[in-house]
C-alpha atoms as a PDB file:
ATOM      1  CA  MET A   1      39.132 115.221  95.092  1.00  0.00           C
ATOM      2  CA  ALA A   2      40.721 114.468  98.461  1.00  0.00           C
ATOM      3  CA  GLN A   3      43.339 111.728  98.577  1.00  0.00           C
ATOM      4  CA  PRO A   4      42.455 108.651 100.634  1.00  0.00           C
ATOM      5  CA  GLU A   5      44.278 108.337 103.941  1.00  0.00           C
ATOM      6  CA  TRP A   6      46.196 105.222 102.858  1.00  0.00           C
ATOM      7  CA  LEU A   7      47.621 107.123  99.865  1.00  0.00           C
ATOM      8  CA  ARG A   8      48.634 110.103 102.020  1.00  0.00           C
ATOM      9  CA  ASN A   9      50.359 107.750 104.469  1.00  0.00           C
ATOM     10  CA  ALA A  10      52.173 105.932 101.673  1.00  0.00           C
ATOM     11  CA  ALA A  11      53.349 109.225 100.161  1.00  0.00           C
ATOM     12  CA  ALA A  12      54.597 110.363 103.560  1.00  0.00           C
ATOM     13  CA  ARG A  13      56.604 107.160 103.992  1.00  0.00           C
ATOM     14  CA  VAL A  14      58.189 107.567 100.565  1.00  0.00           C
ATOM     15  CA  ALA A  15      59.062 111.200 101.323  1.00  0.00           C
ATOM     16  CA  GLU A  16      60.844 110.119 104.494  1.00  0.00           C
ATOM     17  CA  GLN A  17      63.049 107.770 102.463  1.00  0.00           C
ATOM     18  CA  ILE A  18      64.123 110.365  99.896  1.00  0.00           C
ATOM     19  CA  PRO A  19      67.493 111.822 100.900  1.00  0.00           C
ATOM     20  CA  ASP A  20      67.843 115.562 101.313  1.00  0.00           C
ATOM     21  CA  THR A  21      70.293 116.486  98.560  1.00  0.00           C
ATOM     22  CA  ALA A  22      69.618 120.205  98.346  1.00  0.00           C
ATOM     23  CA  PRO A  23      72.715 122.422  98.192  1.00  0.00           C
ATOM     24  CA  GLN A  24      73.828 123.717 101.563  1.00  0.00           C
ATOM     25  CA  ASP A  25      73.266 127.457 101.476  1.00  0.00           C
ATOM     26  CA  GLU A  26      76.021 128.391 103.899  1.00  0.00           C
ATOM     27  CA  VAL A  27      79.666 127.465 103.608  1.00  0.00           C
ATOM     28  CA  VAL A  28      80.922 125.833 106.801  1.00  0.00           C
ATOM     29  CA  PRO A  29      84.245 127.459 107.773  1.00  0.00           C
ATOM     30  CA  GLY A  30      87.083 124.956 107.719  1.00  0.00           C
ATOM     31  CA  ARG A  31      85.027 122.160 106.171  1.00  0.00           C
ATOM     32  CA  VAL A  32      86.891 120.182 103.507  1.00  0.00           C
ATOM     33  CA  ALA A  33      85.302 117.744 101.061  1.00  0.00           C
ATOM     34  CA  LEU A  34      87.516 114.757 100.285  1.00  0.00           C
ATOM     35  CA  ILE A  35      87.067 113.272  96.804  1.00  0.00           C
ATOM     36  CA  ASP A  36      88.240 109.748  96.004  1.00  0.00           C
ATOM     37  CA  GLY A  37      90.296 110.506  92.906  1.00  0.00           C
ATOM     38  CA  ASP A  38      91.141 106.850  92.287  1.00  0.00           C
ATOM     39  CA  TYR A  39      87.462 106.028  91.850  1.00  0.00           C
ATOM     40  CA  LEU A  40      86.631 109.320  90.114  1.00  0.00           C
ATOM     41  CA  ALA A  41      88.972 108.383  87.259  1.00  0.00           C
ATOM     42  CA  TYR A  42      86.929 105.220  86.619  1.00  0.00           C
ATOM     43  CA  PHE A  43      83.560 106.886  87.084  1.00  0.00           C
ATOM     44  CA  ALA A  44      84.234 109.862  84.817  1.00  0.00           C
ATOM     45  CA  SER A  45      85.668 107.668  82.045  1.00  0.00           C
ATOM     46  CA  GLY A  46      82.162 106.563  81.083  1.00  0.00           C
ATOM     47  CA  GLY A  47      81.559 104.129  78.247  1.00  0.00           C
ATOM     48  CA  ASP A  48      83.791 103.448  75.277  1.00  0.00           C
ATOM     49  CA  ASN A  49      81.823 105.906  73.124  1.00  0.00           C
ATOM     50  CA  MET A  50      82.254 108.876  75.471  1.00  0.00           C
ATOM     51  CA  ARG A  51      84.565 111.655  74.265  1.00  0.00           C
ATOM     52  CA  VAL A  52      87.596 112.367  76.444  1.00  0.00           C
ATOM     53  CA  ASP A  53      86.685 116.038  76.873  1.00  0.00           C
ATOM     54  CA  ILE A  54      83.274 115.015  78.211  1.00  0.00           C
ATOM     55  CA  SER A  55      84.906 112.598  80.658  1.00  0.00           C
ATOM     56  CA  ARG A  56      87.131 115.387  81.957  1.00  0.00           C
ATOM     57  CA  ARG A  57      84.135 117.677  82.329  1.00  0.00           C
ATOM     58  CA  VAL A  58      82.283 114.980  84.293  1.00  0.00           C
ATOM     59  CA  ALA A  59      85.205 114.807  86.726  1.00  0.00           C
ATOM     60  CA  VAL A  60      85.348 118.576  87.234  1.00  0.00           C
ATOM     61  CA  ASP A  61      81.569 118.914  87.551  1.00  0.00           C
ATOM     62  CA  ARG A  62      81.511 116.206  90.213  1.00  0.00           C
ATOM     63  CA  MET A  63      84.018 118.115  92.347  1.00  0.00           C
ATOM     64  CA  HIS A  64      82.058 121.345  91.971  1.00  0.00           C
ATOM     65  CA  ALA A  65      78.796 119.595  92.893  1.00  0.00           C
ATOM     66  CA  VAL A  66      80.275 118.077  96.039  1.00  0.00           C
ATOM     67  CA  ARG A  67      81.424 121.473  97.259  1.00  0.00           C
ATOM     68  CA  GLU A  68      77.965 122.982  96.774  1.00  0.00           C
ATOM     69  CA  LEU A  69      76.052 120.064  98.262  1.00  0.00           C
ATOM     70  CA  SER A  70      78.245 119.701 101.331  1.00  0.00           C
ATOM     71  CA  GLY A  71      78.842 123.337 102.247  1.00  0.00           C
ATOM     72  CA  ALA A  72      82.585 122.701 102.099  1.00  0.00           C
ATOM     73  CA  GLU A  73      84.983 125.614 102.121  1.00  0.00           C
ATOM     74  CA  ARG A  74      87.376 123.705  99.885  1.00  0.00           C
ATOM     75  CA  VAL A  75      87.824 120.394  98.084  1.00  0.00           C
ATOM     76  CA  GLU A  76      90.726 117.955  98.238  1.00  0.00           C
ATOM     77  CA  LEU A  77      91.245 115.394  95.475  1.00  0.00           C
ATOM     78  CA  HIS A  78      93.008 112.368  96.977  1.00  0.00           C
ATOM     79  CA  LEU A  79      94.962 110.076  94.663  1.00  0.00           C
ATOM     80  CA  SER A  80      97.165 107.044  95.231  1.00  0.00           C
ATOM     81  CA  ALA A  81     100.396 107.697  93.339  1.00  0.00           C
ATOM     82  CA  ARG A  82     101.025 105.213  90.555  1.00  0.00           C
ATOM     83  CA  ALA A  83     104.199 104.089  92.341  1.00  0.00           C
ATOM     84  CA  SER A  84     102.566 104.173  95.773  1.00  0.00           C
ATOM     85  CA  THR A  85     103.598 101.549  98.317  1.00  0.00           C
ATOM     86  CA  LYS A  86      99.895 101.437  99.294  1.00  0.00           C
ATOM     87  CA  GLY A  87     100.906 101.395 102.932  1.00  0.00           C
ATOM     88  CA  GLU A  88     102.982  98.239 102.321  1.00  0.00           C
ATOM     89  CA  ARG A  89      99.790  96.212 101.955  1.00  0.00           C
ATOM     90  CA  PHE A  90     101.366  94.191  99.144  1.00  0.00           C
ATOM     91  CA  LEU A  91     104.077  93.149 101.620  1.00  0.00           C
ATOM     92  CA  ILE A  92     101.691  92.580 104.540  1.00  0.00           C
ATOM     93  CA  ALA A  93      99.553  90.129 102.562  1.00  0.00           C
ATOM     94  CA  THR A  94     100.806  86.558 102.985  1.00  0.00           C
ATOM     95  CA  THR A  95      97.621  84.481 102.670  1.00  0.00           C
ATOM     96  CA  GLN A  96      96.882  85.702  99.149  1.00  0.00           C
ATOM     97  CA  PRO A  97      98.127  88.649  97.051  1.00  0.00           C
ATOM     98  CA  TYR A  98      96.616  92.024  97.913  1.00  0.00           C
ATOM     99  CA  GLN A  99      94.407  93.207  95.018  1.00  0.00           C
ATOM    100  CA  GLY A 100      95.656  90.125  93.186  1.00  0.00           C
ATOM    101  CA  GLN A 101      92.497  89.808  91.126  1.00  0.00           C
ATOM    102  CA  ARG A 102      92.789  93.253  89.508  1.00  0.00           C
ATOM    103  CA  HIS A 103      93.919  93.690  85.913  1.00  0.00           C
ATOM    104  CA  SER A 104      94.693  96.928  84.079  1.00  0.00           C
ATOM    105  CA  SER A 105      92.983  95.516  80.972  1.00  0.00           C
ATOM    106  CA  ARG A 106      89.627  96.031  82.729  1.00  0.00           C
ATOM    107  CA  ARG A 107      90.039  99.797  82.833  1.00  0.00           C
ATOM    108  CA  PRO A 108      87.668 101.914  80.716  1.00  0.00           C
ATOM    109  CA  LYS A 109      88.966 103.290  77.429  1.00  0.00           C
ATOM    110  CA  ASN A 110      89.202 106.873  78.728  1.00  0.00           C
ATOM    111  CA  TRP A 111      90.758 105.917  82.075  1.00  0.00           C
ATOM    112  CA  GLU A 112      94.344 106.875  81.211  1.00  0.00           C
ATOM    113  CA  ALA A 113      93.336 110.278  79.824  1.00  0.00           C
ATOM    114  CA  VAL A 114      91.126 111.092  82.819  1.00  0.00           C
ATOM    115  CA  ARG A 115      93.675 109.842  85.322  1.00  0.00           C
ATOM    116  CA  GLU A 116      96.440 111.937  83.750  1.00  0.00           C
ATOM    117  CA  PHE A 117      94.118 114.949  83.763  1.00  0.00           C
ATOM    118  CA  LEU A 118      93.419 114.538  87.486  1.00  0.00           C
ATOM    119  CA  GLU A 119      97.140 114.098  88.169  1.00  0.00           C
ATOM    120  CA  THR A 120      98.364 117.105  86.191  1.00  0.00           C
ATOM    121  CA  ALA A 121      95.574 119.648  85.578  1.00  0.00           C
ATOM    122  CA  ASP A 122      95.900 123.093  87.106  1.00  0.00           C
ATOM    123  CA  GLU A 123      94.287 123.093  90.537  1.00  0.00           C
ATOM    124  CA  ALA A 124      92.532 126.348  89.639  1.00  0.00           C
ATOM    125  CA  LEU A 125      90.691 124.471  86.878  1.00  0.00           C
ATOM    126  CA  LEU A 126      89.818 121.600  89.195  1.00  0.00           C
ATOM    127  CA  ARG A 127      88.964 124.044  91.981  1.00  0.00           C
ATOM    128  CA  ALA A 128      90.470 121.431  94.254  1.00  0.00           C
ATOM    129  CA  ARG A 129      93.725 120.847  96.076  1.00  0.00           C
ATOM    130  CA  ARG A 130      95.391 117.692  94.799  1.00  0.00           C
ATOM    131  CA  VAL A 131      96.835 115.312  97.420  1.00  0.00           C
ATOM    132  CA  THR A 132      98.893 112.440  96.007  1.00  0.00           C
ATOM    133  CA  TRP A 133      99.972 109.700  98.396  1.00  0.00           C
ATOM    134  CA  MET A 134     103.195 107.717  97.950  1.00  0.00           C
ATOM    135  CA  ASP A 135     103.389 105.910 101.305  1.00  0.00           C
ATOM    136  CA  ARG A 136      99.717 104.936 101.580  1.00  0.00           C
ATOM    137  CA  GLU A 137      96.485 104.756  99.587  1.00  0.00           C
ATOM    138  CA  ALA A 138      94.027 107.557  98.926  1.00  0.00           C
ATOM    139  CA  ASP A 139      91.680 105.766 101.350  1.00  0.00           C
ATOM    140  CA  ASP A 140      94.269 106.293 104.081  1.00  0.00           C
ATOM    141  CA  GLY A 141      94.328 109.980 103.168  1.00  0.00           C
ATOM    142  CA  PHE A 142      90.643 110.110 104.076  1.00  0.00           C
ATOM    143  CA  ALA A 143      91.472 108.382 107.365  1.00  0.00           C
ATOM    144  CA  HIS A 144      94.302 110.792 108.123  1.00  0.00           C
ATOM    145  CA  ALA A 145      91.939 113.749 107.734  1.00  0.00           C
ATOM    146  CA  ALA A 146      89.058 112.179 109.666  1.00  0.00           C
ATOM    147  CA  LEU A 147      90.984 110.621 112.547  1.00  0.00           C
ATOM    148  CA  SER A 148      93.178 113.660 113.159  1.00  0.00           C
ATOM    149  CA  ALA A 149      90.327 116.201 113.024  1.00  0.00           C
ATOM    150  CA  ARG A 150      89.062 117.611 116.303  1.00  0.00           C
ATOM    151  CA  GLY A 151      85.488 117.642 115.002  1.00  0.00           C
ATOM    152  CA  PRO A 152      85.271 115.495 111.842  1.00  0.00           C
ATOM    153  CA  LEU A 153      81.488 115.695 111.678  1.00  0.00           C
ATOM    154  CA  GLU A 154      81.738 119.438 111.096  1.00  0.00           C
ATOM    155  CA  SER A 155      85.024 119.606 109.196  1.00  0.00           C
ATOM    156  CA  VAL A 156      85.373 116.469 107.028  1.00  0.00           C
ATOM    157  CA  VAL A 157      83.173 115.295 104.132  1.00  0.00           C
ATOM    158  CA  HIS A 158      83.777 111.888 102.534  1.00  0.00           C
ATOM    159  CA  HIS A 159      82.734 111.420  98.910  1.00  0.00           C
ATOM    160  CA  THR A 160      83.522 107.988  97.533  1.00  0.00           C
ATOM    161  CA  ALA A 161      81.864 104.838  96.261  1.00  0.00           C
ATOM    162  CA  ASP A 162      84.299 102.736  98.304  1.00  0.00           C
ATOM    163  CA  LYS A 163      82.551 100.956 101.165  1.00  0.00           C
ATOM    164  CA  ASP A 164      85.770 100.839 103.217  1.00  0.00           C
ATOM    165  CA  MET A 165      85.435 104.503 104.224  1.00  0.00           C
ATOM    166  CA  ARG A 166      82.263 103.727 106.163  1.00  0.00           C
ATOM    167  CA  MET A 167      84.482 103.015 109.190  1.00  0.00           C
ATOM    168  CA  LEU A 168      85.540 106.690 109.339  1.00  0.00           C
ATOM    169  CA  PRO A 169      83.948 109.579 111.245  1.00  0.00           C
ATOM    170  CA  GLY A 170      82.691 112.588 109.324  1.00  0.00           C
ATOM    171  CA  LEU A 171      79.879 113.567 106.977  1.00  0.00           C
ATOM    172  CA  HIS A 172      79.464 110.895 104.298  1.00  0.00           C
ATOM    173  CA  LEU A 173      78.033 112.160 101.007  1.00  0.00           C
ATOM    174  CA  ALA A 174      76.902 109.141  98.976  1.00  0.00           C
ATOM    175  CA  TRP A 175      78.272 108.778  95.457  1.00  0.00           C
ATOM    176  CA  THR A 176      75.040 107.834  93.707  1.00  0.00           C
ATOM    177  CA  ASP A 177      72.432 110.110  95.297  1.00  0.00           C
ATOM    178  CA  TYR A 178      74.446 112.489  97.542  1.00  0.00           C
ATOM    179  CA  ALA A 179      72.532 111.282 100.603  1.00  0.00           C
ATOM    180  CA  ARG A 180      74.131 112.447 103.848  1.00  0.00           C
ATOM    181  CA  THR A 181      75.108 110.157 106.716  1.00  0.00           C
ATOM    182  CA  GLN A 182      76.605 111.673 109.856  1.00  0.00           C
ATOM    183  CA  VAL A 183      79.186 109.612 111.755  1.00  0.00           C
ATOM    184  CA  PRO A 184      80.375 111.363 114.943  1.00  0.00           C
ATOM    185  CA  LYS A 185      83.947 111.154 116.205  1.00  0.00           C
ATOM    186  CA  GLY A 186      84.486 107.896 118.082  1.00  0.00           C
ATOM    187  CA  ALA A 187      81.213 106.366 116.853  1.00  0.00           C
ATOM    188  CA  TYR A 188      81.110 102.584 117.049  1.00  0.00           C
ATOM    189  CA  GLU A 189      77.865 102.042 115.131  1.00  0.00           C
ATOM    190  CA  VAL A 190      75.698 104.323 113.021  1.00  0.00           C
ATOM    191  CA  ILE A 191      72.986 102.973 110.722  1.00  0.00           C
ATOM    192  CA  GLY A 192      72.737 105.014 107.542  1.00  0.00           C
ATOM    193  CA  PRO A 193      69.353 106.788 107.517  1.00  0.00           C
ATOM    194  CA  TYR A 194      68.861 106.213 103.785  1.00  0.00           C
ATOM    195  CA  ASP A 195      70.929 103.162 102.840  1.00  0.00           C
ATOM    196  CA  GLY A 196      70.490 101.199 106.087  1.00  0.00           C
ATOM    197  CA  LYS A 197      74.193 100.280 106.086  1.00  0.00           C
ATOM    198  CA  VAL A 198      76.563 100.049 109.041  1.00  0.00           C
ATOM    199  CA  TYR A 199      78.956 102.968 109.575  1.00  0.00           C
ATOM    200  CA  GLY A 200      81.524 103.561 112.303  1.00  0.00           C
ATOM    201  CA  THR A 201      84.252 101.258 113.558  1.00  0.00           C
ATOM    202  CA  LYS A 202      81.806  98.353 113.732  1.00  0.00           C
ATOM    203  CA  TRP A 203      82.144  98.222 109.951  1.00  0.00           C
ATOM    204  CA  PHE A 204      85.886  97.550 110.352  1.00  0.00           C
ATOM    205  CA  TRP A 205      85.156  94.672 112.724  1.00  0.00           C
ATOM    206  CA  MET A 206      82.623  93.256 110.269  1.00  0.00           C
ATOM    207  CA  GLN A 207      85.250  93.388 107.524  1.00  0.00           C
ATOM    208  CA  MET A 208      87.692  91.596 109.830  1.00  0.00           C
ATOM    209  CA  LEU A 209      85.266  88.680 109.672  1.00  0.00           C
ATOM    210  CA  MET A 210      84.042  88.969 106.072  1.00  0.00           C
ATOM    211  CA  GLY A 211      87.200  90.119 104.317  1.00  0.00           C
ATOM    212  CA  ASP A 212      86.957  92.337 101.240  1.00  0.00           C
ATOM    213  CA  THR A 213      86.628  90.717  97.827  1.00  0.00           C
ATOM    214  CA  ALA A 214      87.282  94.047  96.064  1.00  0.00           C
ATOM    215  CA  ASP A 215      90.825  94.065  97.478  1.00  0.00           C
ATOM    216  CA  HIS A 216      91.290  90.267  97.554  1.00  0.00           C
ATOM    217  CA  ILE A 217      91.365  90.176 101.367  1.00  0.00           C
ATOM    218  CA  PRO A 218      90.077  86.753 102.447  1.00  0.00           C
ATOM    219  CA  GLY A 219      88.624  87.098 105.943  1.00  0.00           C
ATOM    220  CA  PHE A 220      86.831  83.796 106.637  1.00  0.00           C
ATOM    221  CA  TYR A 221      85.455  81.709 103.784  1.00  0.00           C
ATOM    222  CA  GLY A 222      81.672  81.684 103.648  1.00  0.00           C
ATOM    223  CA  LEU A 223      81.291  84.253 106.420  1.00  0.00           C
ATOM    224  CA  GLY A 224      79.041  86.982 105.047  1.00  0.00           C
ATOM    225  CA  GLU A 225      77.424  90.097 106.419  1.00  0.00           C
ATOM    226  CA  ASP A 226      74.555  88.316 108.179  1.00  0.00           C
ATOM    227  CA  LYS A 227      76.869  86.023 110.144  1.00  0.00           C
ATOM    228  CA  ALA A 228      79.241  88.913 110.924  1.00  0.00           C
ATOM    229  CA  LEU A 229      76.311  90.819 112.419  1.00  0.00           C
ATOM    230  CA  ARG A 230      75.349  87.780 114.485  1.00  0.00           C
ATOM    231  CA  ILE A 231      78.883  87.431 115.847  1.00  0.00           C
ATOM    232  CA  LEU A 232      78.920  91.122 116.779  1.00  0.00           C
ATOM    233  CA  ALA A 233      75.358  91.163 118.126  1.00  0.00           C
ATOM    234  CA  GLY A 234      75.153  93.040 121.405  1.00  0.00           C
ATOM    235  CA  THR A 235      78.570  94.686 121.092  1.00  0.00           C
ATOM    236  CA  ARG A 236      78.602  98.380 121.913  1.00  0.00           C
ATOM    237  CA  CYS A 237      82.253  99.403 121.559  1.00  0.00           C
ATOM    238  CA  ASN A 238      85.574  98.414 120.006  1.00  0.00           C
ATOM    239  CA  ALA A 239      86.690  96.496 123.099  1.00  0.00           C
ATOM    240  CA  GLU A 240      83.614  94.267 122.990  1.00  0.00           C
ATOM    241  CA  ALA A 241      83.935  93.844 119.226  1.00  0.00           C
ATOM    242  CA  TYR A 242      87.569  92.808 119.630  1.00  0.00           C
ATOM    243  CA  GLU A 243      86.606  90.112 122.131  1.00  0.00           C
ATOM    244  CA  ALA A 244      83.975  88.693 119.767  1.00  0.00           C
ATOM    245  CA  VAL A 245      86.199  88.829 116.682  1.00  0.00           C
ATOM    246  CA  GLN A 246      89.269  87.462 118.486  1.00  0.00           C
ATOM    247  CA  ALA A 247      87.217  84.501 119.697  1.00  0.00           C
ATOM    248  CA  GLU A 248      86.165  83.717 116.110  1.00  0.00           C
ATOM    249  CA  TYR A 249      89.785  83.955 114.924  1.00  0.00           C
ATOM    250  CA  ALA A 250      90.907  81.587 117.692  1.00  0.00           C
ATOM    251  CA  ARG A 251      88.073  79.178 116.854  1.00  0.00           C
ATOM    252  CA  GLN A 252      88.887  79.067 113.147  1.00  0.00           C
ATOM    253  CA  LYS A 253      92.678  79.460 113.171  1.00  0.00           C
ATOM    254  CA  GLY A 254      93.754  77.879 116.444  1.00  0.00           C
ATOM    255  CA  ASP A 255      97.317  78.771 117.458  1.00  0.00           C
ATOM    256  CA  ALA A 256      97.782  80.761 114.222  1.00  0.00           C
ATOM    257  CA  TRP A 257      94.983  83.208 115.088  1.00  0.00           C
ATOM    258  CA  ALA A 258      97.204  86.155 116.049  1.00  0.00           C
ATOM    259  CA  ASP A 259      99.267  86.240 112.847  1.00  0.00           C
ATOM    260  CA  TYR A 260      96.132  85.963 110.716  1.00  0.00           C
ATOM    261  CA  PHE A 261      94.389  88.660 112.771  1.00  0.00           C
ATOM    262  CA  VAL A 262      97.317  91.061 112.352  1.00  0.00           C
ATOM    263  CA  GLU A 263      97.538  90.398 108.609  1.00  0.00           C
ATOM    264  CA  GLN A 264      93.841  91.074 108.046  1.00  0.00           C
ATOM    265  CA  ALA A 265      93.828  94.166 110.276  1.00  0.00           C
ATOM    266  CA  GLY A 266      96.924  95.569 108.569  1.00  0.00           C
ATOM    267  CA  LEU A 267      95.175  95.226 105.215  1.00  0.00           C
ATOM    268  CA  LEU A 268      91.693  96.435 106.191  1.00  0.00           C
ATOM    269  CA  TRP A 269      92.173  99.284 108.669  1.00  0.00           C
ATOM    270  CA  LEU A 270      92.310 102.775 107.130  1.00  0.00           C
ATOM    271  CA  ARG A 271      95.187 104.548 108.797  1.00  0.00           C
ATOM    272  CA  ALA A 272      95.787 107.943 110.321  1.00  0.00           C
ATOM    273  CA  THR A 273      99.531 107.272 109.898  1.00  0.00           C
ATOM    274  CA  HIS A 274     101.563 105.282 107.387  1.00  0.00           C
ATOM    275  CA  HIS A 275     102.338 102.586 109.957  1.00  0.00           C
ATOM    276  CA  PRO A 276     100.976  99.090 109.194  1.00  0.00           C
ATOM    277  CA  HIS A 277     100.033  98.621 112.857  1.00  0.00           C
ATOM    278  CA  ASP A 278      97.927 101.787 113.069  1.00  0.00           C
ATOM    279  CA  PHE A 279      94.935  99.501 113.731  1.00  0.00           C
ATOM    280  CA  LEU A 280      96.123  99.146 117.333  1.00  0.00           C
ATOM    281  CA  ARG A 281      94.321 102.415 118.098  1.00  0.00           C
ATOM    282  CA  VAL A 282      90.966 100.573 118.081  1.00  0.00           C
ATOM    283  CA  LEU A 283      92.107  97.612 120.162  1.00  0.00           C
ATOM    284  CA  PRO A 284      91.741  97.415 123.953  1.00  0.00           C
ATOM    285  CA  GLU A 285      94.431  99.229 125.920  1.00  0.00           C
ATOM    286  CA  HIS A 286      95.510  95.999 127.629  1.00  0.00           C
ATOM    287  CA  ARG A 287      96.507  94.060 124.537  1.00  0.00           C
ATOM    288  CA  ASN A 288      96.946  90.333 124.155  1.00  0.00           C
ATOM    289  CA  PRO A 289     100.669  89.358 124.344  1.00  0.00           C
ATOM    290  CA  GLU A 290     100.193  86.876 121.487  1.00  0.00           C
ATOM    291  CA  LEU A 291      98.771  89.646 119.337  1.00  0.00           C
ATOM    292  CA  MET A 292     101.614  92.048 120.101  1.00  0.00           C
ATOM    293  CA  ALA A 293     104.162  89.350 119.260  1.00  0.00           C
ATOM    294  CA  ALA A 294     102.373  88.871 115.922  1.00  0.00           C
ATOM    295  CA  VAL A 295     102.540  92.627 115.283  1.00  0.00           C
ATOM    296  CA  ARG A 296     106.304  92.553 115.800  1.00  0.00           C
ATOM    297  CA  ARG A 297     106.628  89.611 113.406  1.00  0.00           C
ATOM    298  CA  MET A 298     104.574  91.413 110.768  1.00  0.00           C
ATOM    299  CA  LEU A 299     106.667  94.585 111.042  1.00  0.00           C
ATOM    300  CA  ALA A 300     109.921  92.619 110.840  1.00  0.00           C
ATOM    301  CA  ASN A 301     108.645  90.727 107.794  1.00  0.00           C
ATOM    302  CA  VAL A 302     107.563  93.925 106.025  1.00  0.00           C
ATOM    303  CA  LYS A 303     110.903  95.588 106.821  1.00  0.00           C
ATOM    304  CA  GLU A 304     112.844  92.615 105.446  1.00  0.00           C
ATOM    305  CA  LYS A 305     110.806  92.545 102.230  1.00  0.00           C
ATOM    306  CA  ARG A 306     111.081  96.314 101.757  1.00  0.00           C
ATOM    307  CA  GLU A 307     114.863  96.225 102.170  1.00  0.00           C
ATOM    308  CA  ALA A 308     115.114  93.391  99.630  1.00  0.00           C
ATOM    309  CA  LEU A 309     112.998  95.341  97.132  1.00  0.00           C
ATOM    310  CA  ASP A 310     115.072  98.474  97.650  1.00  0.00           C
ATOM    311  CA  ARG A 311     118.261  96.509  96.941  1.00  0.00           C
ATOM    312  CA  LEU A 312     116.772  95.106  93.739  1.00  0.00           C
ATOM    313  CA  ASN A 313     115.622  98.547  92.621  1.00  0.00           C
ATOM    314  CA  ALA A 314     119.069  99.989  93.318  1.00  0.00           C
ATOM    315  CA  GLN A 315     120.622  97.373  91.034  1.00  0.00           C
ATOM    316  CA  ALA A 316     118.157  97.976  88.202  1.00  0.00           C
END
C-alpha cells in the first residue's frame, strides 16, 4: 500500500534532522581530534553502581569512536593539570570567585579512579596523545590548536560537552549524538545544522552579555540568550559585536564599564596563548583607550596577586 503524501513529507523532514554520524571512511591527513579529558572523567565515571574497569573502558572506547567518526589521523586528550593556574582566571575574577560554586563532593564515585587513569595510562592503551596544561585550562588547549591552525576546519576536531568551545573554528563533533557542525576559520556566526545553536565568535559576544553560570561568571543579571541575541541583532562581525556589547556595558556599568568588560573577557575568552588579554585579538584594531587602560590594570593586579601567592608558597 502506497504511503500518503503527507506521511512521505513528514518522513523526509525527520530524515533531514537526523545527523549523519556514519564513520568517515578515509583518514584526513593531519587531522587531530581533541578530546575534553576534564569532562570525559565525569562522563565515563557513570553511576555509583558502575565498576571502575567499565568506567575506564567507556573512556577508551569514546576516544576510539571519535577517531573513527571524525576521520582523524590522531587523537589528543586534553587535561587541565590538578595544580593548573587555569590561565590565572582565579586571579582575574574580582566580582565573584571563578568556579566558586563547584564542590569536589559532587564528583561521581569513580571520578578519582578514571581521572588518574586518564592522567597516567600508557598512551598506547589510550591510543591518544595526552596533553596536560599547567598554565591554562584544557579548553584553552582546544583554542590553541584551533586558532593557530592554518585550516582548522580540515585539521581540528572538537569533542566536548562544554558549550564554551562553540566560539572556536573547526569541526565540532557533538558529545551526545556525534552530529557534525563545521565552523570555518574566522567565522563570526554559524548556526548548527542539527542543534540550532550559535557557533563562531558571536557565541563569545553572547557570553559577554549572559555570563556563564557553569563557571560562576556573572555577565549581566537577568540577561539571557534571547536578550543577548536582540542586542547583537544585525551584527555581522566582531567589530560590530564589540560596539553593541560595549554600549550595553557602558549603559549598565557607567564609568566602571571598562574594568568589568576586561574582567569578563579575561574569564570567558578561550585563548591561543596563556596571556589573560588574549581576547584583544577579536576586538577592533583601533581600541578604546579606556579599555586598554583597564587591560593594564588587570595585568598589574594579576601579577601582584601571583607574586604574593608565590611568596606564600615559597614559605610553606
